[in-house]
Amino acid sequence: MQMVKRILFGLLLFLFFLLFFAPKQELYYKLEHILKDNYNITISENGIKENPFGLSIENADIYIEDLYR
């Protein structure tokens, strides 16, 4: 039982550090690039603020080309 607790605690700690130290802005820009290339969706933002556990995007406009294909 002690081993199971250690493994679960280690897994939770790993997930916490992964969320906390992940490069959130780079992941956002990669998602924006994928949306632009594959689906012709453009996101225009005025400000990005990185939080410890997330990302805040302010005044974003979404443009979709060829909505009715």
Foldseek 3Di string as FASTA:
>chain_A
DVVVVVVVVVVVVVVLCCQQPPPAVVVVVVVQVCCCVPFVKHKDFDDWDDDRRHIDTPPIDIDGPCPPD
